[in-house]
Amino acid sequence: MPRHDTISFLSDFGHDDEFVGVVKSVIREIAPHAAVIDLTHSIPAFDVRAGSLALARAVQYVARGIVLAVVDPGVGTDRRAVAIEVAGGDGIFVGPDNGLLASAVAMAGGAERAVGLTNPIYQLPAPGPTFAGRDIFGPAAAHLANGLPFEELGEEVDVHTLMPGILPITRVEGDRLIAEVLWVDRYGNAQLNVDPDEIAAFGDTVLLHFHQTVRSARRAATYGTIGRGGLGLITDSYGLVSVCLERQSAAAELGLAAGDEVQLEQGDDRPLGVTSPVTLRLGGQ
């Protein structure tokens, strides 16, 4: 089996503790030739959904080789630790079988083979069962990078029994498209699980319904063409529709967060106004 020279690493470990550095050091000791690329280690703790989304967004741009992903709230339980082969062996995903890997694996062409990481020869002795990134997943990725035959890591797993993905899909109810906020980036853009084609018939103005509020948004090509104070819908760099403000956080302004429902329907060219009660007083009163 050929050696791999790249390991792309995603986790919820953060950078406050030594966890990321320890895993990378374990990999370095076993496979010193392999470059480790940090995709992100800022996935919210235990948030398998957020990790799955980040991995799915990144995978089409990730270098060929091994993807090591660890967001693992079930560490130490009977959840499986797996390696999944894609693209005829050009790519291998290593991580927990909890849905984290599934969407990215599908985008990479689908699982062709899978094994459970059960062979202790290719693991570190564990003082306790709570750091599988160091003791199981990192060593597995490193040994694969060295060209270890895939099947040496453990027993074969039927790919049809792997945990499925957890990405939400849109649905139509009447005249509205029911969507969900997938992710809010550091600029405050709220990405929806909406393909631009799904709202093509809505025209340039779209009404957004969320949190018992209705806002009018205009479709725009770039952030700079939204206009100050205007709400825009942009096709973002991953090809999905994002709710945006120019140089402001749309998520903070609108109170949107990952998982929130947003309903979209066709608007018109008239801006939605804000009404306030006005009391007229006669002169002298």
C-alpha atoms as a PDB file:
ATOM      1  CA  MET A   1       0.000   0.000   0.000  1.00  0.00           C
ATOM      2  CA  PRO A   2       1.453   3.424  -0.903  1.00  0.00           C
ATOM      3  CA  ARG A   3       2.644   5.863   1.713  1.00  0.00           C
ATOM      4  CA  HIS A   4       0.695   9.044   2.271  1.00  0.00           C
ATOM      5  CA  ASP A   5       2.527  12.269   2.966  1.00  0.00           C
ATOM      6  CA  THR A   6      -0.374  14.409   4.235  1.00  0.00           C
ATOM      7  CA  ILE A   7      -2.612  14.067   7.291  1.00  0.00           C
ATOM      8  CA  SER A   8      -5.390  16.681   7.550  1.00  0.00           C
ATOM      9  CA  PHE A   9      -6.477  17.045  11.184  1.00  0.00           C
ATOM     10  CA  LEU A  10      -9.781  18.362  12.590  1.00  0.00           C
ATOM     11  CA  SER A  11     -10.924  18.211  16.200  1.00  0.00           C
ATOM     12  CA  ASP A  12     -12.758  19.922  19.044  1.00  0.00           C
ATOM     13  CA  PHE A  13      -9.592  19.921  21.196  1.00  0.00           C
ATOM     14  CA  GLY A  14      -9.045  23.691  21.111  1.00  0.00           C
ATOM     15  CA  HIS A  15      -5.656  25.201  21.900  1.00  0.00           C
ATOM     16  CA  ASP A  16      -5.915  25.838  25.653  1.00  0.00           C
ATOM     17  CA  ASP A  17      -4.580  22.387  26.495  1.00  0.00           C
ATOM     18  CA  GLU A  18      -1.800  20.254  25.121  1.00  0.00           C
ATOM     19  CA  PHE A  19      -4.090  17.816  23.283  1.00  0.00           C
ATOM     20  CA  VAL A  20      -3.435  18.930  19.696  1.00  0.00           C
ATOM     21  CA  GLY A  21       0.317  19.117  20.215  1.00  0.00           C
ATOM     22  CA  VAL A  22       0.435  15.683  21.820  1.00  0.00           C
ATOM     23  CA  VAL A  23      -1.460  14.033  18.949  1.00  0.00           C
ATOM     24  CA  LYS A  24       0.785  15.716  16.386  1.00  0.00           C
ATOM     25  CA  SER A  25       3.867  14.627  18.316  1.00  0.00           C
ATOM     26  CA  VAL A  26       2.641  11.016  18.373  1.00  0.00           C
ATOM     27  CA  ILE A  27       2.149  11.188  14.606  1.00  0.00           C
ATOM     28  CA  ARG A  28       5.595  12.725  14.153  1.00  0.00           C
ATOM     29  CA  GLU A  29       7.250   9.936  16.137  1.00  0.00           C
ATOM     30  CA  ILE A  30       5.634   7.226  14.005  1.00  0.00           C
ATOM     31  CA  ALA A  31       5.584   8.926  10.591  1.00  0.00           C
ATOM     32  CA  PRO A  32       8.136  11.769  10.569  1.00  0.00           C
ATOM     33  CA  HIS A  33       7.743  12.263   6.809  1.00  0.00           C
ATOM     34  CA  ALA A  34       4.046  13.158   7.043  1.00  0.00           C
ATOM     35  CA  ALA A  35       2.935  16.790   7.042  1.00  0.00           C
ATOM     36  CA  VAL A  36       0.011  17.456   9.392  1.00  0.00           C
ATOM     37  CA  ILE A  37      -2.372  20.181   8.220  1.00  0.00           C
ATOM     38  CA  ASP A  38      -4.611  21.673  10.898  1.00  0.00           C
ATOM     39  CA  LEU A  39      -8.063  22.161   9.385  1.00  0.00           C
ATOM     40  CA  THR A  40      -9.456  23.465  12.660  1.00  0.00           C
ATOM     41  CA  HIS A  41      -9.444  22.558  16.330  1.00  0.00           C
ATOM     42  CA  SER A  42     -12.135  25.079  17.266  1.00  0.00           C
ATOM     43  CA  ILE A  43     -15.171  22.877  16.739  1.00  0.00           C
ATOM     44  CA  PRO A  44     -17.409  23.459  19.788  1.00  0.00           C
ATOM     45  CA  ALA A  45     -16.799  20.766  22.382  1.00  0.00           C
ATOM     46  CA  PHE A  46     -18.771  17.569  21.740  1.00  0.00           C
ATOM     47  CA  ASP A  47     -20.545  19.096  18.700  1.00  0.00           C
ATOM     48  CA  VAL A  48     -20.470  16.235  16.191  1.00  0.00           C
ATOM     49  CA  ARG A  49     -22.846  18.103  13.883  1.00  0.00           C
ATOM     50  CA  ALA A  50     -20.594  21.161  13.675  1.00  0.00           C
ATOM     51  CA  GLY A  51     -17.566  18.961  13.083  1.00  0.00           C
ATOM     52  CA  SER A  52     -19.374  17.051  10.355  1.00  0.00           C
ATOM     53  CA  LEU A  53     -20.371  20.283   8.621  1.00  0.00           C
ATOM     54  CA  ALA A  54     -16.854  21.709   8.799  1.00  0.00           C
ATOM     55  CA  LEU A  55     -15.396  18.509   7.394  1.00  0.00           C
ATOM     56  CA  ALA A  56     -17.951  18.413   4.589  1.00  0.00           C
ATOM     57  CA  ARG A  57     -17.200  22.039   3.692  1.00  0.00           C
ATOM     58  CA  ALA A  58     -13.461  21.416   3.615  1.00  0.00           C
ATOM     59  CA  VAL A  59     -13.141  17.976   2.068  1.00  0.00           C
ATOM     60  CA  GLN A  60     -13.226  18.969  -1.600  1.00  0.00           C
ATOM     61  CA  TYR A  61     -10.170  21.167  -0.994  1.00  0.00           C
ATOM     62  CA  VAL A  62      -8.250  18.816   1.297  1.00  0.00           C
ATOM     63  CA  ALA A  63      -5.023  17.321  -0.064  1.00  0.00           C
ATOM     64  CA  ARG A  64      -5.063  13.660  -1.000  1.00  0.00           C
ATOM     65  CA  GLY A  65      -4.054  11.429   1.858  1.00  0.00           C
ATOM     66  CA  ILE A  66      -5.454  10.856   5.319  1.00  0.00           C
ATOM     67  CA  VAL A  67      -8.142  12.838   7.114  1.00  0.00           C
ATOM     68  CA  LEU A  68      -7.976  12.537  10.902  1.00  0.00           C
ATOM     69  CA  ALA A  69     -11.149  13.849  12.559  1.00  0.00           C
ATOM     70  CA  VAL A  70     -11.865  13.643  16.274  1.00  0.00           C
ATOM     71  CA  VAL A  71     -15.063  14.997  17.805  1.00  0.00           C
ATOM     72  CA  ASP A  72     -15.865  12.143  20.090  1.00  0.00           C
ATOM     73  CA  PRO A  73     -18.283  12.618  23.006  1.00  0.00           C
ATOM     74  CA  GLY A  74     -18.646   8.820  23.171  1.00  0.00           C
ATOM     75  CA  VAL A  75     -14.930   8.210  23.740  1.00  0.00           C
ATOM     76  CA  GLY A  76     -14.320   5.081  25.787  1.00  0.00           C
ATOM     77  CA  THR A  77     -17.789   3.652  25.107  1.00  0.00           C
ATOM     78  CA  ASP A  78     -18.755   0.935  22.646  1.00  0.00           C
ATOM     79  CA  ARG A  79     -18.922   3.379  19.717  1.00  0.00           C
ATOM     80  CA  ARG A  80     -16.598   2.149  16.973  1.00  0.00           C
ATOM     81  CA  ALA A  81     -13.262   3.659  16.034  1.00  0.00           C
ATOM     82  CA  VAL A  82     -12.869   3.279  12.282  1.00  0.00           C
ATOM     83  CA  ALA A  83     -10.799   3.920   9.198  1.00  0.00           C
ATOM     84  CA  ILE A  84     -12.698   4.376   5.930  1.00  0.00           C
ATOM     85  CA  GLU A  85     -11.111   4.093   2.503  1.00  0.00           C
ATOM     86  CA  VAL A  86     -12.333   6.213  -0.435  1.00  0.00           C
ATOM     87  CA  ALA A  87     -11.274   6.872  -4.021  1.00  0.00           C
ATOM     88  CA  GLY A  88      -9.474   3.595  -4.498  1.00  0.00           C
ATOM     89  CA  GLY A  89      -7.189   4.205  -1.547  1.00  0.00           C
ATOM     90  CA  ASP A  90      -6.221   7.777  -2.488  1.00  0.00           C
ATOM     91  CA  GLY A  91      -8.038   8.927   0.629  1.00  0.00           C
ATOM     92  CA  ILE A  92      -8.600   7.453   4.086  1.00  0.00           C
ATOM     93  CA  PHE A  93     -10.737   8.910   6.890  1.00  0.00           C
ATOM     94  CA  VAL A  94      -9.867   8.043  10.481  1.00  0.00           C
ATOM     95  CA  GLY A  95     -12.129   8.841  13.412  1.00  0.00           C
ATOM     96  CA  PRO A  96     -15.110   7.776  15.515  1.00  0.00           C
ATOM     97  CA  ASP A  97     -18.093   6.149  13.857  1.00  0.00           C
ATOM     98  CA  ASN A  98     -20.624   8.647  15.209  1.00  0.00           C
ATOM     99  CA  GLY A  99     -21.718  10.474  12.053  1.00  0.00           C
ATOM    100  CA  LEU A 100     -18.737  12.839  12.062  1.00  0.00           C
ATOM    101  CA  LEU A 101     -17.152  11.380   8.925  1.00  0.00           C
ATOM    102  CA  ALA A 102     -20.219  10.366   6.938  1.00  0.00           C
ATOM    103  CA  SER A 103     -21.036  13.488   4.912  1.00  0.00           C
ATOM    104  CA  ALA A 104     -17.415  14.131   3.964  1.00  0.00           C
ATOM    105  CA  VAL A 105     -16.971  10.486   2.988  1.00  0.00           C
ATOM    106  CA  ALA A 106     -20.044  10.743   0.762  1.00  0.00           C
ATOM    107  CA  MET A 107     -18.674  13.884  -0.885  1.00  0.00           C
ATOM    108  CA  ALA A 108     -15.391  12.064  -1.515  1.00  0.00           C
ATOM    109  CA  GLY A 109     -17.199   9.388  -3.499  1.00  0.00           C
ATOM    110  CA  GLY A 110     -18.446   7.107  -0.739  1.00  0.00           C
ATOM    111  CA  ALA A 111     -16.971   4.450   1.502  1.00  0.00           C
ATOM    112  CA  GLU A 112     -15.306   1.585  -0.371  1.00  0.00           C
ATOM    113  CA  ARG A 113     -13.814  -0.299   2.583  1.00  0.00           C
ATOM    114  CA  ALA A 114     -13.836   0.178   6.331  1.00  0.00           C
ATOM    115  CA  VAL A 115     -12.102  -1.401   9.292  1.00  0.00           C
ATOM    116  CA  GLY A 116     -12.477  -1.085  13.027  1.00  0.00           C
ATOM    117  CA  LEU A 117      -9.360   0.153  14.812  1.00  0.00           C
ATOM    118  CA  THR A 118      -9.050  -2.896  17.037  1.00  0.00           C
ATOM    119  CA  ASN A 119      -5.469  -4.091  16.558  1.00  0.00           C
ATOM    120  CA  PRO A 120      -3.541  -3.058  19.720  1.00  0.00           C
ATOM    121  CA  ILE A 121      -0.205  -3.408  17.917  1.00  0.00           C
ATOM    122  CA  TYR A 122      -0.914  -0.101  16.196  1.00  0.00           C
ATOM    123  CA  GLN A 123      -2.125   1.734  19.283  1.00  0.00           C
ATOM    124  CA  LEU A 124      -0.442   3.337  22.285  1.00  0.00           C
ATOM    125  CA  PRO A 125      -0.866   1.817  25.738  1.00  0.00           C
ATOM    126  CA  ALA A 126      -3.645   3.854  27.374  1.00  0.00           C
ATOM    127  CA  PRO A 127      -3.530   4.844  31.070  1.00  0.00           C
ATOM    128  CA  GLY A 128      -7.271   5.516  30.680  1.00  0.00           C
ATOM    129  CA  PRO A 129      -9.782   5.277  27.819  1.00  0.00           C
ATOM    130  CA  THR A 130     -10.511   8.989  27.407  1.00  0.00           C
ATOM    131  CA  PHE A 131      -7.897  10.169  24.873  1.00  0.00           C
ATOM    132  CA  ALA A 132      -8.484   8.076  21.768  1.00  0.00           C
ATOM    133  CA  GLY A 133      -7.031  10.862  19.623  1.00  0.00           C
ATOM    134  CA  ARG A 134      -3.623  10.197  21.150  1.00  0.00           C
ATOM    135  CA  ASP A 135      -3.869   6.466  21.721  1.00  0.00           C
ATOM    136  CA  ILE A 136      -5.920   5.138  18.784  1.00  0.00           C
ATOM    137  CA  PHE A 137      -6.758   7.625  16.012  1.00  0.00           C
ATOM    138  CA  GLY A 138      -3.427   9.457  15.778  1.00  0.00           C
ATOM    139  CA  PRO A 139      -1.341   6.257  15.684  1.00  0.00           C
ATOM    140  CA  ALA A 140      -3.682   4.708  13.102  1.00  0.00           C
ATOM    141  CA  ALA A 141      -3.330   7.747  10.834  1.00  0.00           C
ATOM    142  CA  ALA A 142       0.455   7.694  11.224  1.00  0.00           C
ATOM    143  CA  HIS A 143       0.805   3.988  10.480  1.00  0.00           C
ATOM    144  CA  LEU A 144      -1.382   4.372   7.404  1.00  0.00           C
ATOM    145  CA  ALA A 145       0.841   7.250   6.311  1.00  0.00           C
ATOM    146  CA  ASN A 146       3.773   4.841   6.544  1.00  0.00           C
ATOM    147  CA  GLY A 147       2.032   2.501   4.127  1.00  0.00           C
ATOM    148  CA  LEU A 148       0.592  -0.013   6.602  1.00  0.00           C
ATOM    149  CA  PRO A 149      -1.908  -2.265   4.773  1.00  0.00           C
ATOM    150  CA  PHE A 150      -5.390  -1.011   5.581  1.00  0.00           C
ATOM    151  CA  GLU A 151      -6.654  -4.346   6.840  1.00  0.00           C
ATOM    152  CA  GLU A 152      -3.871  -4.602   9.426  1.00  0.00           C
ATOM    153  CA  LEU A 153      -5.599  -2.017  11.630  1.00  0.00           C
ATOM    154  CA  GLY A 154      -8.437  -4.341  12.590  1.00  0.00           C
ATOM    155  CA  GLU A 155     -11.468  -6.302  11.520  1.00  0.00           C
ATOM    156  CA  GLU A 156     -13.416  -5.362   8.402  1.00  0.00           C
ATOM    157  CA  VAL A 157     -16.579  -3.329   8.926  1.00  0.00           C
ATOM    158  CA  ASP A 158     -19.537  -3.502   6.546  1.00  0.00           C
ATOM    159  CA  VAL A 159     -19.680   0.009   5.069  1.00  0.00           C
ATOM    160  CA  HIS A 160     -23.483  -0.140   5.115  1.00  0.00           C
ATOM    161  CA  THR A 161     -23.412  -0.260   8.919  1.00  0.00           C
ATOM    162  CA  LEU A 162     -21.456   2.982   9.299  1.00  0.00           C
ATOM    163  CA  MET A 163     -23.313   5.799  11.031  1.00  0.00           C
ATOM    164  CA  PRO A 164     -25.089   8.047   8.504  1.00  0.00           C
ATOM    165  CA  GLY A 165     -24.593  11.769   8.065  1.00  0.00           C
ATOM    166  CA  ILE A 166     -26.531  14.320  10.073  1.00  0.00           C
ATOM    167  CA  LEU A 167     -26.873  17.188   7.604  1.00  0.00           C
ATOM    168  CA  PRO A 168     -30.400  18.672   7.453  1.00  0.00           C
ATOM    169  CA  ILE A 169     -32.263  19.065   4.176  1.00  0.00           C
ATOM    170  CA  THR A 170     -34.765  21.730   3.140  1.00  0.00           C
ATOM    171  CA  ARG A 171     -38.459  21.104   2.606  1.00  0.00           C
ATOM    172  CA  VAL A 172     -41.279  23.029   0.964  1.00  0.00           C
ATOM    173  CA  GLU A 173     -44.455  24.015   2.818  1.00  0.00           C
ATOM    174  CA  GLY A 174     -46.897  25.986   0.710  1.00  0.00           C
ATOM    175  CA  ASP A 175     -45.079  28.979  -0.776  1.00  0.00           C
ATOM    176  CA  ARG A 176     -42.192  28.760   1.680  1.00  0.00           C
ATOM    177  CA  LEU A 177     -38.869  26.953   1.676  1.00  0.00           C
ATOM    178  CA  ILE A 178     -38.114  25.709   5.196  1.00  0.00           C
ATOM    179  CA  ALA A 179     -34.380  25.946   5.824  1.00  0.00           C
ATOM    180  CA  GLU A 180     -31.907  25.845   8.687  1.00  0.00           C
ATOM    181  CA  VAL A 181     -28.826  27.802   9.681  1.00  0.00           C
ATOM    182  CA  LEU A 182     -25.927  25.397   9.229  1.00  0.00           C
ATOM    183  CA  TRP A 183     -23.105  27.572  10.448  1.00  0.00           C
ATOM    184  CA  VAL A 184     -22.171  31.107  11.443  1.00  0.00           C
ATOM    185  CA  ASP A 185     -18.673  32.121  10.369  1.00  0.00           C
ATOM    186  CA  ARG A 186     -16.417  34.520  12.270  1.00  0.00           C
ATOM    187  CA  TYR A 187     -17.780  37.451  10.238  1.00  0.00           C
ATOM    188  CA  GLY A 188     -21.330  36.696  11.318  1.00  0.00           C
ATOM    189  CA  ASN A 189     -22.571  35.365   7.973  1.00  0.00           C
ATOM    190  CA  ALA A 190     -25.290  32.774   8.553  1.00  0.00           C
ATOM    191  CA  GLN A 191     -25.014  29.930   6.049  1.00  0.00           C
ATOM    192  CA  LEU A 192     -28.272  28.182   5.201  1.00  0.00           C
ATOM    193  CA  ASN A 193     -28.734  24.657   3.864  1.00  0.00           C
ATOM    194  CA  VAL A 194     -30.104  26.215   0.694  1.00  0.00           C
ATOM    195  CA  ASP A 195     -28.821  25.763  -2.837  1.00  0.00           C
ATOM    196  CA  PRO A 196     -29.189  28.978  -4.888  1.00  0.00           C
ATOM    197  CA  ASP A 197     -31.309  27.091  -7.422  1.00  0.00           C
ATOM    198  CA  GLU A 198     -33.909  26.430  -4.735  1.00  0.00           C
ATOM    199  CA  ILE A 199     -34.739  30.134  -4.516  1.00  0.00           C
ATOM    200  CA  ALA A 200     -34.074  31.126  -8.125  1.00  0.00           C
ATOM    201  CA  ALA A 201     -37.799  31.525  -8.795  1.00  0.00           C
ATOM    202  CA  PHE A 202     -38.168  33.896  -5.822  1.00  0.00           C
ATOM    203  CA  GLY A 203     -36.538  36.722  -7.744  1.00  0.00           C
ATOM    204  CA  ASP A 204     -34.232  39.370  -6.334  1.00  0.00           C
ATOM    205  CA  THR A 205     -36.147  39.996  -3.108  1.00  0.00           C
ATOM    206  CA  VAL A 206     -36.779  37.257  -0.571  1.00  0.00           C
ATOM    207  CA  LEU A 207     -38.711  37.402   2.677  1.00  0.00           C
ATOM    208  CA  LEU A 208     -37.053  35.685   5.633  1.00  0.00           C
ATOM    209  CA  HIS A 209     -39.207  34.437   8.508  1.00  0.00           C
ATOM    210  CA  PHE A 210     -37.436  33.579  11.773  1.00  0.00           C
ATOM    211  CA  HIS A 211     -38.037  34.025  15.503  1.00  0.00           C
ATOM    212  CA  GLN A 212     -41.512  35.467  14.770  1.00  0.00           C
ATOM    213  CA  THR A 213     -39.848  38.181  12.693  1.00  0.00           C
ATOM    214  CA  VAL A 214     -40.027  38.958   8.982  1.00  0.00           C
ATOM    215  CA  ARG A 215     -37.165  40.653   7.149  1.00  0.00           C
ATOM    216  CA  SER A 216     -36.703  41.498   3.504  1.00  0.00           C
ATOM    217  CA  ALA A 217     -33.394  40.471   1.931  1.00  0.00           C
ATOM    218  CA  ARG A 218     -32.022  41.138  -1.530  1.00  0.00           C
ATOM    219  CA  ARG A 219     -29.922  38.679  -3.469  1.00  0.00           C
ATOM    220  CA  ALA A 220     -26.461  40.089  -4.116  1.00  0.00           C
ATOM    221  CA  ALA A 221     -23.327  38.895  -5.876  1.00  0.00           C
ATOM    222  CA  THR A 222     -20.819  40.204  -3.321  1.00  0.00           C
ATOM    223  CA  TYR A 223     -20.766  41.606   0.199  1.00  0.00           C
ATOM    224  CA  GLY A 224     -19.853  45.034  -1.142  1.00  0.00           C
ATOM    225  CA  THR A 225     -23.001  45.262  -3.255  1.00  0.00           C
ATOM    226  CA  ILE A 226     -25.415  44.622  -0.377  1.00  0.00           C
ATOM    227  CA  GLY A 227     -25.327  48.254   0.734  1.00  0.00           C
ATOM    228  CA  ARG A 228     -24.865  49.551   4.243  1.00  0.00           C
ATOM    229  CA  GLY A 229     -27.703  48.476   6.507  1.00  0.00           C
ATOM    230  CA  GLY A 230     -29.285  46.254   3.882  1.00  0.00           C
ATOM    231  CA  LEU A 231     -29.785  42.546   4.379  1.00  0.00           C
ATOM    232  CA  GLY A 232     -28.345  40.367   1.642  1.00  0.00           C
ATOM    233  CA  LEU A 233     -28.423  36.783   0.400  1.00  0.00           C
ATOM    234  CA  ILE A 234     -25.047  35.758  -1.044  1.00  0.00           C
ATOM    235  CA  THR A 235     -23.999  32.529  -2.725  1.00  0.00           C
ATOM    236  CA  ASP A 236     -20.985  31.843  -0.522  1.00  0.00           C
ATOM    237  CA  SER A 237     -17.651  30.193  -1.270  1.00  0.00           C
ATOM    238  CA  TYR A 238     -19.145  26.733  -0.642  1.00  0.00           C
ATOM    239  CA  GLY A 239     -22.025  27.276  -3.059  1.00  0.00           C
ATOM    240  CA  LEU A 240     -24.764  27.712  -0.456  1.00  0.00           C
ATOM    241  CA  VAL A 241     -26.916  30.720   0.400  1.00  0.00           C
ATOM    242  CA  SER A 242     -25.764  32.858   3.327  1.00  0.00           C
ATOM    243  CA  VAL A 243     -27.597  35.675   5.108  1.00  0.00           C
ATOM    244  CA  CYS A 244     -25.205  38.635   5.274  1.00  0.00           C
ATOM    245  CA  LEU A 245     -24.750  42.288   6.123  1.00  0.00           C
ATOM    246  CA  GLU A 246     -22.011  44.464   4.706  1.00  0.00           C
ATOM    247  CA  ARG A 247     -19.193  44.699   7.261  1.00  0.00           C
ATOM    248  CA  GLN A 248     -21.513  43.665  10.080  1.00  0.00           C
ATOM    249  CA  SER A 249     -22.546  40.428  11.715  1.00  0.00           C
ATOM    250  CA  ALA A 250     -25.890  39.344  10.318  1.00  0.00           C
ATOM    251  CA  ALA A 251     -26.118  36.643  12.976  1.00  0.00           C
ATOM    252  CA  ALA A 252     -25.697  39.150  15.813  1.00  0.00           C
ATOM    253  CA  GLU A 253     -28.078  41.657  14.223  1.00  0.00           C
ATOM    254  CA  LEU A 254     -30.801  39.064  13.613  1.00  0.00           C
ATOM    255  CA  GLY A 255     -30.158  36.765  16.577  1.00  0.00           C
ATOM    256  CA  LEU A 256     -29.439  33.762  14.361  1.00  0.00           C
ATOM    257  CA  ALA A 257     -27.421  30.732  15.434  1.00  0.00           C
ATOM    258  CA  ALA A 258     -26.633  27.302  14.028  1.00  0.00           C
ATOM    259  CA  GLY A 259     -29.722  25.118  14.072  1.00  0.00           C
ATOM    260  CA  ASP A 260     -32.239  27.973  13.842  1.00  0.00           C
ATOM    261  CA  GLU A 261     -35.075  27.592  11.355  1.00  0.00           C
ATOM    262  CA  VAL A 262     -35.392  30.202   8.620  1.00  0.00           C
ATOM    263  CA  GLN A 263     -38.332  30.201   6.207  1.00  0.00           C
ATOM    264  CA  LEU A 264     -37.890  31.835   2.810  1.00  0.00           C
ATOM    265  CA  GLU A 265     -40.577  33.027   0.402  1.00  0.00           C
ATOM    266  CA  GLN A 266     -40.825  35.293  -2.595  1.00  0.00           C
ATOM    267  CA  GLY A 267     -40.894  38.995  -1.780  1.00  0.00           C
ATOM    268  CA  ASP A 268     -41.376  42.080  -3.894  1.00  0.00           C
ATOM    269  CA  ASP A 269     -39.379  45.216  -4.581  1.00  0.00           C
ATOM    270  CA  ARG A 270     -41.002  47.231  -1.829  1.00  0.00           C
ATOM    271  CA  PRO A 271     -38.950  47.356   1.378  1.00  0.00           C
ATOM    272  CA  LEU A 272     -40.591  46.082   4.525  1.00  0.00           C
ATOM    273  CA  GLY A 273     -41.110  49.057   6.772  1.00  0.00           C
ATOM    274  CA  VAL A 274     -41.187  49.221  10.533  1.00  0.00           C
ATOM    275  CA  THR A 275     -44.390  50.687  11.964  1.00  0.00           C
ATOM    276  CA  SER A 276     -44.567  52.642  15.206  1.00  0.00           C
ATOM    277  CA  PRO A 277     -47.597  54.265  16.846  1.00  0.00           C
ATOM    278  CA  VAL A 278     -47.737  58.059  16.429  1.00  0.00           C
ATOM    279  CA  THR A 279     -49.886  60.411  18.510  1.00  0.00           C
ATOM    280  CA  LEU A 280     -50.899  63.684  16.849  1.00  0.00           C
ATOM    281  CA  ARG A 281     -51.452  66.637  19.141  1.00  0.00           C
ATOM    282  CA  LEU A 282     -53.433  69.717  18.247  1.00  0.00           C
ATOM    283  CA  GLY A 283     -51.636  73.030  18.570  1.00  0.00           C
ATOM    284  CA  GLY A 284     -51.410  74.297  22.134  1.00  0.00           C
ATOM    285  CA  GLN A 285     -52.260  70.966  23.734  1.00  0.00           C
END
